[in-house]
Amino acid sequence: MEDEFIVALDLSDMTHDLGFDVVGPYATVAEGREAIARHRPDAAILDVQLADGEVFPLADLLIQLDVPIIFHSGHADTTSLLARYPAARSANKPCTSELIASYLVQATSHQF
């Protein structure tokens, strides 16, 4: 979930290079809901502020489905995010792609 095209493209490329199948990116909560209805993802990288509002309703749905989430945002307080989503990982923008990659590998390591 990312509404900035260049950031979304970079995350998609990095995720694909790690060997993951990439679904998305999606720029809105509505698009994310539709995607999840079609296919439960193994993990999700979420920007907090999307084109149609905050990602929290989608994050709540992903947690209910036991999908690991990684927040990647410049608009959120990591302490607050982790208080609300203790199993999540959070990286403030800007950060290295290596940090997001390590979070993604950690989040999905039990699935493989």
Protein backbone atom coordinates (compact mmCIF):
# COMPACT_ATOMS: atom_id res chain seq x y z
CA MET A 1 0.00 0.00 0.00
CA GLU A 2 1.73 3.12 -1.24
CA ASP A 3 0.34 6.17 -3.02
CA GLU A 4 3.67 7.66 -4.12
CA PHE A 5 4.49 6.05 -7.47
CA ILE A 6 8.30 6.12 -7.24
CA VAL A 7 8.31 4.73 -3.68
CA ALA A 8 5.82 2.04 -4.69
CA LEU A 9 7.93 1.06 -7.69
CA ASP A 10 11.08 0.87 -5.56
CA LEU A 11 9.36 -1.30 -2.92
CA SER A 12 7.88 -3.55 -5.60
CA ASP A 13 11.25 -4.05 -7.28
CA MET A 14 13.00 -4.76 -3.98
CA THR A 15 10.31 -7.25 -2.94
CA HIS A 16 10.42 -9.00 -6.29
CA ASP A 17 14.24 -9.16 -6.14
CA LEU A 18 13.91 -10.99 -2.81
CA GLY A 19 11.91 -13.69 -4.58
CA PHE A 20 8.42 -12.68 -3.50
CA ASP A 21 5.44 -12.46 -5.83
CA VAL A 22 4.27 -8.86 -5.70
CA VAL A 23 0.60 -7.97 -5.72
CA GLY A 24 0.01 -4.27 -6.11
CA PRO A 25 1.02 -1.68 -5.28
CA TYR A 26 -2.27 -0.13 -4.34
CA ALA A 27 -2.72 3.57 -3.61
CA THR A 28 -6.00 3.46 -1.69
CA VAL A 29 -7.59 1.56 1.16
CA ALA A 30 -10.44 0.64 -1.21
CA GLU A 31 -8.03 -0.97 -3.69
CA GLY A 32 -6.34 -2.84 -0.84
CA ARG A 33 -9.66 -4.22 0.41
CA GLU A 34 -10.51 -5.48 -3.07
CA ALA A 35 -7.10 -7.14 -3.39
CA ILE A 36 -7.39 -8.87 -0.01
CA ALA A 37 -10.86 -10.11 -0.92
CA ARG A 38 -9.32 -11.82 -3.97
CA HIS A 39 -6.19 -13.17 -2.28
CA ARG A 40 -4.79 -13.18 1.26
CA PRO A 41 -1.21 -11.88 1.09
CA ASP A 42 1.72 -13.46 2.94
CA ALA A 43 2.74 -9.99 4.20
CA ALA A 44 1.94 -6.33 3.57
CA ILE A 45 4.01 -3.17 3.44
CA LEU A 46 1.79 -0.25 4.38
CA ASP A 47 2.15 3.50 4.12
CA VAL A 48 -0.04 5.12 6.79
CA GLN A 49 -1.38 7.99 4.68
CA LEU A 50 -2.94 6.83 1.41
CA ALA A 51 -4.81 8.65 -1.34
CA ASP A 52 -8.20 7.98 0.32
CA GLY A 53 -7.20 8.29 3.99
CA GLU A 54 -5.34 6.41 6.68
CA VAL A 55 -4.51 2.73 6.25
CA PHE A 56 -5.70 1.64 9.70
CA PRO A 57 -8.96 -0.06 8.63
CA LEU A 58 -6.93 -2.16 6.21
CA ALA A 59 -4.23 -2.84 8.80
CA ASP A 60 -6.93 -4.04 11.22
CA LEU A 61 -8.28 -6.41 8.56
CA LEU A 62 -4.81 -7.77 7.80
CA ILE A 63 -4.17 -8.40 11.51
CA GLN A 64 -7.49 -10.27 11.76
CA LEU A 65 -6.31 -12.43 8.86
CA ASP A 66 -2.97 -13.02 10.62
CA VAL A 67 -1.01 -11.25 7.87
CA PRO A 68 2.30 -9.73 9.02
CA ILE A 69 2.43 -5.98 8.40
CA ILE A 70 5.31 -3.59 7.93
CA PHE A 71 4.58 0.10 8.22
CA HIS A 72 6.68 2.33 5.95
CA SER A 73 5.63 5.90 6.56
CA GLY A 74 6.79 9.42 7.09
CA HIS A 75 3.48 10.38 8.69
CA ALA A 76 3.30 8.17 11.75
CA ASP A 77 4.81 7.75 15.16
CA THR A 78 6.49 4.35 15.46
CA THR A 79 5.71 4.10 19.18
CA SER A 80 2.00 4.65 18.55
CA LEU A 81 1.95 2.20 15.64
CA LEU A 82 3.63 -0.55 17.64
CA ALA A 83 1.36 0.08 20.62
CA ARG A 84 -1.66 -0.48 18.37
CA TYR A 85 -0.05 -3.29 16.32
CA PRO A 86 2.52 -5.00 18.59
CA ALA A 87 3.38 -7.72 16.06
CA ALA A 88 4.06 -5.20 13.28
CA ARG A 89 7.35 -3.72 12.21
CA SER A 90 7.76 -0.05 11.44
CA ALA A 91 10.26 1.99 9.43
CA ASN A 92 10.14 5.73 9.03
CA LYS A 93 10.59 7.26 5.59
CA PRO A 94 13.16 7.69 4.36
CA CYS A 95 14.92 4.45 5.19
CA THR A 96 17.10 1.98 3.38
CA SER A 97 15.57 -0.72 1.24
CA GLU A 98 17.75 -3.15 3.22
CA LEU A 99 15.79 -2.35 6.39
CA ILE A 100 12.45 -3.02 4.70
CA ALA A 101 13.89 -6.17 3.11
CA SER A 102 15.07 -7.47 6.49
CA TYR A 103 11.66 -6.77 8.03
CA LEU A 104 9.94 -8.57 5.17
CA VAL A 105 12.18 -11.63 5.47
CA GLN A 106 11.68 -11.71 9.26
CA ALA A 107 7.91 -11.32 8.93
CA THR A 108 7.58 -14.19 6.47
CA SER A 109 10.30 -16.54 7.70
CA HIS A 110 7.85 -18.81 9.54
CA GLN A 111 5.84 -19.30 6.33
CA PHE A 112 8.59 -20.99 4.32
